[in-house]
Amino acid sequence: MATRSRDGTVLETKKSKVKPPPLFKVVLLNDDYTPMEFVVVVLQTFFAMTREKATQVMLKVHREGMGVCGVYPRDIATTKVEQVVAYARRHQHPLQCVMEET
């Protein structure tokens, strides 16, 4: 869509495409010390999972060494990781939570 200005020049509007922000997976890592029930509570508390879904993810972490808790924009993923790690430390568990770009 072109428009004319007063001096006769033609101005064309440039369409810009906005990319959606990159997404990050929040991942729990397995360790030999954190109780399985604590992991289920973390998943329910910080990732709003049902008990059944939290148990499935916990078993995946236990069997495969890691499990995805959710996929979020960078700011939210960072906050979730910090919350989980701080909560685990407060309860004296070595649970690790990291984020990876999808």
Protein backbone atom coordinates (compact mmCIF):
# COMPACT_ATOMS: atom_id res chain seq x y z
CA MET A 1 0.00 0.00 0.00
CA ALA A 2 1.71 3.15 -1.20
CA THR A 3 0.96 6.70 -0.06
CA ARG A 4 1.99 9.99 -1.60
CA SER A 5 3.49 12.76 0.43
CA ARG A 6 3.06 16.50 -0.32
CA ASP A 7 6.26 16.79 -2.37
CA GLY A 8 5.23 13.97 -4.72
CA THR A 9 7.45 11.18 -3.36
CA VAL A 10 5.92 7.78 -2.88
CA LEU A 11 6.25 6.13 0.50
CA GLU A 12 5.72 2.42 0.85
CA THR A 13 4.96 0.75 4.13
CA LYS A 14 7.28 -2.05 5.06
CA LYS A 15 5.78 -5.11 6.66
CA SER A 16 7.82 -6.46 9.52
CA LYS A 17 7.45 -9.98 10.75
CA VAL A 18 7.76 -10.50 14.47
CA LYS A 19 9.20 -13.84 15.50
CA PRO A 20 7.77 -15.46 18.60
CA PRO A 21 10.22 -15.61 21.49
CA PRO A 22 12.35 -18.77 21.75
CA LEU A 23 11.00 -21.41 24.09
CA PHE A 24 12.94 -23.32 26.74
CA LYS A 25 12.36 -26.74 28.25
CA VAL A 26 12.54 -26.93 32.03
CA VAL A 27 14.15 -30.27 32.92
CA LEU A 28 14.58 -32.12 36.22
CA LEU A 29 17.72 -34.23 36.58
CA ASN A 30 17.91 -37.49 38.49
CA ASP A 31 20.02 -37.94 41.60
CA ASP A 32 20.36 -40.77 44.11
CA TYR A 33 19.25 -38.81 47.17
CA THR A 34 16.07 -36.83 46.49
CA PRO A 35 12.98 -38.85 47.48
CA MET A 36 10.52 -39.64 44.70
CA GLU A 37 7.64 -38.20 46.71
CA PHE A 38 9.48 -34.86 46.99
CA VAL A 39 9.87 -34.75 43.20
CA VAL A 40 6.13 -35.36 42.80
CA VAL A 41 5.38 -32.49 45.21
CA VAL A 42 7.73 -30.18 43.27
CA LEU A 43 6.01 -31.04 39.98
CA GLN A 44 2.57 -30.45 41.47
CA THR A 45 3.58 -27.22 43.19
CA PHE A 46 5.63 -25.46 40.53
CA PHE A 47 4.27 -26.97 37.31
CA ALA A 48 0.57 -27.39 38.22
CA MET A 49 0.57 -31.08 37.35
CA THR A 50 -1.98 -33.57 38.58
CA ARG A 51 -0.66 -36.25 40.89
CA GLU A 52 -0.85 -38.81 38.06
CA LYS A 53 1.04 -36.63 35.59
CA ALA A 54 3.62 -35.68 38.23
CA THR A 55 4.17 -39.35 39.02
CA GLN A 56 4.70 -40.14 35.33
CA VAL A 57 7.29 -37.36 34.97
CA MET A 58 9.00 -38.41 38.22
CA LEU A 59 9.30 -41.99 36.95
CA LYS A 60 10.75 -40.71 33.66
CA VAL A 61 13.34 -38.72 35.64
CA HIS A 62 14.11 -41.78 37.74
CA ARG A 63 14.42 -44.22 34.82
CA GLU A 64 15.92 -42.04 32.09
CA GLY A 65 17.92 -39.56 34.16
CA MET A 66 15.90 -36.51 33.15
CA GLY A 67 12.34 -35.41 32.52
CA VAL A 68 10.73 -32.37 30.94
CA CYS A 69 8.47 -30.41 33.30
CA GLY A 70 7.25 -27.86 30.78
CA VAL A 71 8.15 -25.52 27.92
CA TYR A 72 8.15 -21.77 28.57
CA PRO A 73 9.56 -18.43 27.35
CA ARG A 74 13.01 -17.60 28.76
CA ASP A 75 11.85 -15.45 31.71
CA ILE A 76 9.31 -17.95 32.96
CA ALA A 77 11.69 -20.90 32.51
CA THR A 78 14.41 -19.08 34.45
CA THR A 79 12.00 -18.30 37.27
CA LYS A 80 10.78 -21.91 37.44
CA VAL A 81 14.36 -23.24 37.60
CA GLU A 82 15.27 -20.79 40.37
CA GLN A 83 12.12 -21.62 42.36
CA VAL A 84 12.67 -25.38 42.15
CA VAL A 85 16.36 -25.19 43.09
CA ALA A 86 15.66 -22.84 46.01
CA TYR A 87 12.80 -25.05 47.26
CA ALA A 88 14.99 -28.16 47.06
CA ARG A 89 17.80 -26.43 48.95
CA ARG A 90 15.39 -25.26 51.66
CA HIS A 91 14.36 -28.87 52.13
CA GLN A 92 18.00 -30.05 51.97
CA HIS A 93 17.69 -32.05 48.75
CA PRO A 94 20.24 -31.96 45.90
CA LEU A 95 17.54 -31.90 43.18
CA GLN A 96 18.79 -30.19 40.02
CA CYS A 97 16.60 -28.30 37.57
CA VAL A 98 17.92 -26.82 34.32
CA MET A 99 16.58 -25.23 31.16
CA GLU A 100 17.41 -26.02 27.55
CA GLU A 101 16.43 -24.14 24.42
CA THR A 102 13.99 -26.08 22.27
